[in-house]
Amino acid sequence: MGQQARLWLLSLCGAVPGAIAVYLTNDYWVGAWVFLAVVIVLGILLYAYEKRKKQ
């Protein structure tokens, strides 16, 4: 349950900056790139956390 909650939180943390970027720039692609960048960075951190937690 906790792992799934962290994945939902990860997606929310990516969606909010992406939505703000779309709002400010009126460009869907800017928001998509912001979303992907945030999810990639936070996803790597979450992966490292989950891997460390299993050890």
N, C-alpha and C. Protein backbone atom coordinates (compact mmCIF):
# COMPACT_ATOMS: atom_id res chain seq x y z
N MET A 1 0.82 -1.20 0.00
CA MET A 1 0.00 0.00 0.00
C MET A 1 0.87 1.26 0.00
N GLY A 2 1.92 1.27 0.80
CA GLY A 2 2.78 2.44 0.89
C GLY A 2 3.49 2.74 -0.42
N GLN A 3 3.94 1.68 -1.10
CA GLN A 3 4.64 1.87 -2.37
C GLN A 3 3.71 2.49 -3.42
N GLN A 4 2.49 2.02 -3.47
CA GLN A 4 1.53 2.57 -4.42
C GLN A 4 1.19 4.03 -4.08
N ALA A 5 1.10 4.34 -2.81
CA ALA A 5 0.84 5.72 -2.40
C ALA A 5 2.00 6.63 -2.83
N ARG A 6 3.24 6.13 -2.71
CA ARG A 6 4.39 6.92 -3.15
C ARG A 6 4.37 7.14 -4.65
N LEU A 7 3.92 6.15 -5.42
CA LEU A 7 3.82 6.33 -6.88
C LEU A 7 2.76 7.36 -7.24
N TRP A 8 1.64 7.35 -6.55
CA TRP A 8 0.60 8.37 -6.77
C TRP A 8 1.11 9.76 -6.43
N LEU A 9 1.86 9.84 -5.33
CA LEU A 9 2.44 11.12 -4.93
C LEU A 9 3.46 11.60 -5.96
N LEU A 10 4.23 10.67 -6.51
CA LEU A 10 5.19 11.00 -7.56
C LEU A 10 4.48 11.58 -8.78
N SER A 11 3.39 10.96 -9.19
CA SER A 11 2.65 11.47 -10.36
C SER A 11 2.03 12.83 -10.08
N LEU A 12 1.56 13.03 -8.87
CA LEU A 12 0.99 14.33 -8.51
C LEU A 12 2.07 15.41 -8.49
N CYS A 13 3.25 15.05 -7.97
CA CYS A 13 4.36 16.01 -7.93
C CYS A 13 4.85 16.36 -9.33
N GLY A 14 4.62 15.50 -10.29
CA GLY A 14 4.97 15.83 -11.67
C GLY A 14 3.87 16.59 -12.38
N ALA A 15 2.62 16.28 -12.04
CA ALA A 15 1.49 16.90 -12.73
C ALA A 15 1.31 18.37 -12.35
N VAL A 16 1.54 18.70 -11.11
CA VAL A 16 1.33 20.09 -10.67
C VAL A 16 2.28 21.06 -11.37
N PRO A 17 3.59 20.81 -11.37
CA PRO A 17 4.47 21.74 -12.10
C PRO A 17 4.18 21.76 -13.61
N GLY A 18 3.81 20.59 -14.16
CA GLY A 18 3.46 20.55 -15.58
C GLY A 18 2.24 21.39 -15.88
N ALA A 19 1.24 21.31 -15.03
CA ALA A 19 0.03 22.12 -15.22
C ALA A 19 0.31 23.60 -15.07
N ILE A 20 1.15 23.94 -14.12
CA ILE A 20 1.52 25.35 -13.93
C ILE A 20 2.28 25.86 -15.15
N ALA A 21 3.17 25.03 -15.70
CA ALA A 21 3.92 25.43 -16.89
C ALA A 21 2.99 25.66 -18.07
N VAL A 22 1.99 24.79 -18.24
CA VAL A 22 1.02 24.98 -19.32
C VAL A 22 0.22 26.25 -19.10
N TYR A 23 -0.17 26.51 -17.88
CA TYR A 23 -0.94 27.71 -17.56
C TYR A 23 -0.13 28.98 -17.86
N LEU A 24 1.13 28.98 -17.49
CA LEU A 24 1.95 30.17 -17.66
C LEU A 24 2.39 30.41 -19.10
N THR A 25 2.62 29.31 -19.84
CA THR A 25 3.15 29.45 -21.20
C THR A 25 2.10 29.25 -22.28
N ASN A 26 0.95 28.69 -21.93
CA ASN A 26 -0.07 28.32 -22.92
C ASN A 26 0.48 27.38 -23.97
N ASP A 27 1.43 26.54 -23.58
CA ASP A 27 2.03 25.58 -24.50
C ASP A 27 2.03 24.20 -23.85
N TYR A 28 1.31 23.28 -24.48
CA TYR A 28 1.19 21.93 -23.96
C TYR A 28 2.55 21.24 -23.86
N TRP A 29 3.39 21.43 -24.87
CA TRP A 29 4.66 20.72 -24.91
C TRP A 29 5.60 21.15 -23.79
N VAL A 30 5.58 22.40 -23.42
CA VAL A 30 6.39 22.86 -22.29
C VAL A 30 5.95 22.13 -21.02
N GLY A 31 4.65 22.05 -20.82
CA GLY A 31 4.13 21.33 -19.66
C GLY A 31 4.48 19.87 -19.67
N ALA A 32 4.43 19.26 -20.85
CA ALA A 32 4.79 17.84 -20.96
C ALA A 32 6.26 17.62 -20.62
N TRP A 33 7.13 18.51 -21.09
CA TRP A 33 8.56 18.37 -20.79
C TRP A 33 8.84 18.61 -19.30
N VAL A 34 8.15 19.56 -18.72
CA VAL A 34 8.33 19.81 -17.28
C VAL A 34 7.86 18.58 -16.50
N PHE A 35 6.72 18.03 -16.87
CA PHE A 35 6.21 16.83 -16.21
C PHE A 35 7.22 15.69 -16.30
N LEU A 36 7.72 15.44 -17.50
CA LEU A 36 8.68 14.35 -17.68
C LEU A 36 9.96 14.58 -16.90
N ALA A 37 10.46 15.80 -16.90
CA ALA A 37 11.69 16.10 -16.17
C ALA A 37 11.51 15.85 -14.68
N VAL A 38 10.41 16.32 -14.13
CA VAL A 38 10.16 16.15 -12.70
C VAL A 38 9.98 14.67 -12.36
N VAL A 39 9.22 13.95 -13.17
CA VAL A 39 8.98 12.53 -12.90
C VAL A 39 10.27 11.73 -13.03
N ILE A 40 11.11 12.06 -14.00
CA ILE A 40 12.37 11.33 -14.15
C ILE A 40 13.27 11.56 -12.94
N VAL A 41 13.43 12.81 -12.54
CA VAL A 41 14.31 13.11 -11.39
C VAL A 41 13.76 12.49 -10.11
N LEU A 42 12.48 12.73 -9.84
CA LEU A 42 11.91 12.16 -8.61
C LEU A 42 11.78 10.65 -8.69
N GLY A 43 11.57 10.11 -9.89
CA GLY A 43 11.50 8.67 -10.06
C GLY A 43 12.82 7.99 -9.73
N ILE A 44 13.91 8.60 -10.15
CA ILE A 44 15.23 8.06 -9.81
C ILE A 44 15.44 8.07 -8.31
N LEU A 45 15.05 9.17 -7.67
CA LEU A 45 15.18 9.24 -6.21
C LEU A 45 14.29 8.21 -5.51
N LEU A 46 13.07 8.05 -6.01
CA LEU A 46 12.17 7.07 -5.42
C LEU A 46 12.68 5.65 -5.63
N TYR A 47 13.24 5.38 -6.80
CA TYR A 47 13.81 4.06 -7.06
C TYR A 47 14.96 3.76 -6.09
N ALA A 48 15.83 4.75 -5.89
CA ALA A 48 16.94 4.56 -4.96
C ALA A 48 16.43 4.34 -3.54
N TYR A 49 15.38 5.08 -3.16
CA TYR A 49 14.79 4.91 -1.83
C TYR A 49 14.21 3.51 -1.67
N GLU A 50 13.45 3.05 -2.66
CA GLU A 50 12.84 1.72 -2.58
C GLU A 50 13.90 0.63 -2.55
N LYS A 51 14.94 0.80 -3.33
CA LYS A 51 16.02 -0.19 -3.37
C LYS A 51 16.73 -0.25 -2.02
N ARG A 52 17.00 0.92 -1.45
CA ARG A 52 17.67 0.98 -0.16
C ARG A 52 16.78 0.43 0.95
N LYS A 53 15.49 0.67 0.84
CA LYS A 53 14.54 0.21 1.85
C LYS A 53 14.47 -1.32 1.89
N LYS A 54 14.63 -1.98 0.74
CA LYS A 54 14.57 -3.44 0.69
C LYS A 54 15.79 -4.09 1.31
N GLN A 55 16.90 -3.36 1.36
CA GLN A 55 18.14 -3.95 1.91
C GLN A 55 18.13 -3.92 3.39
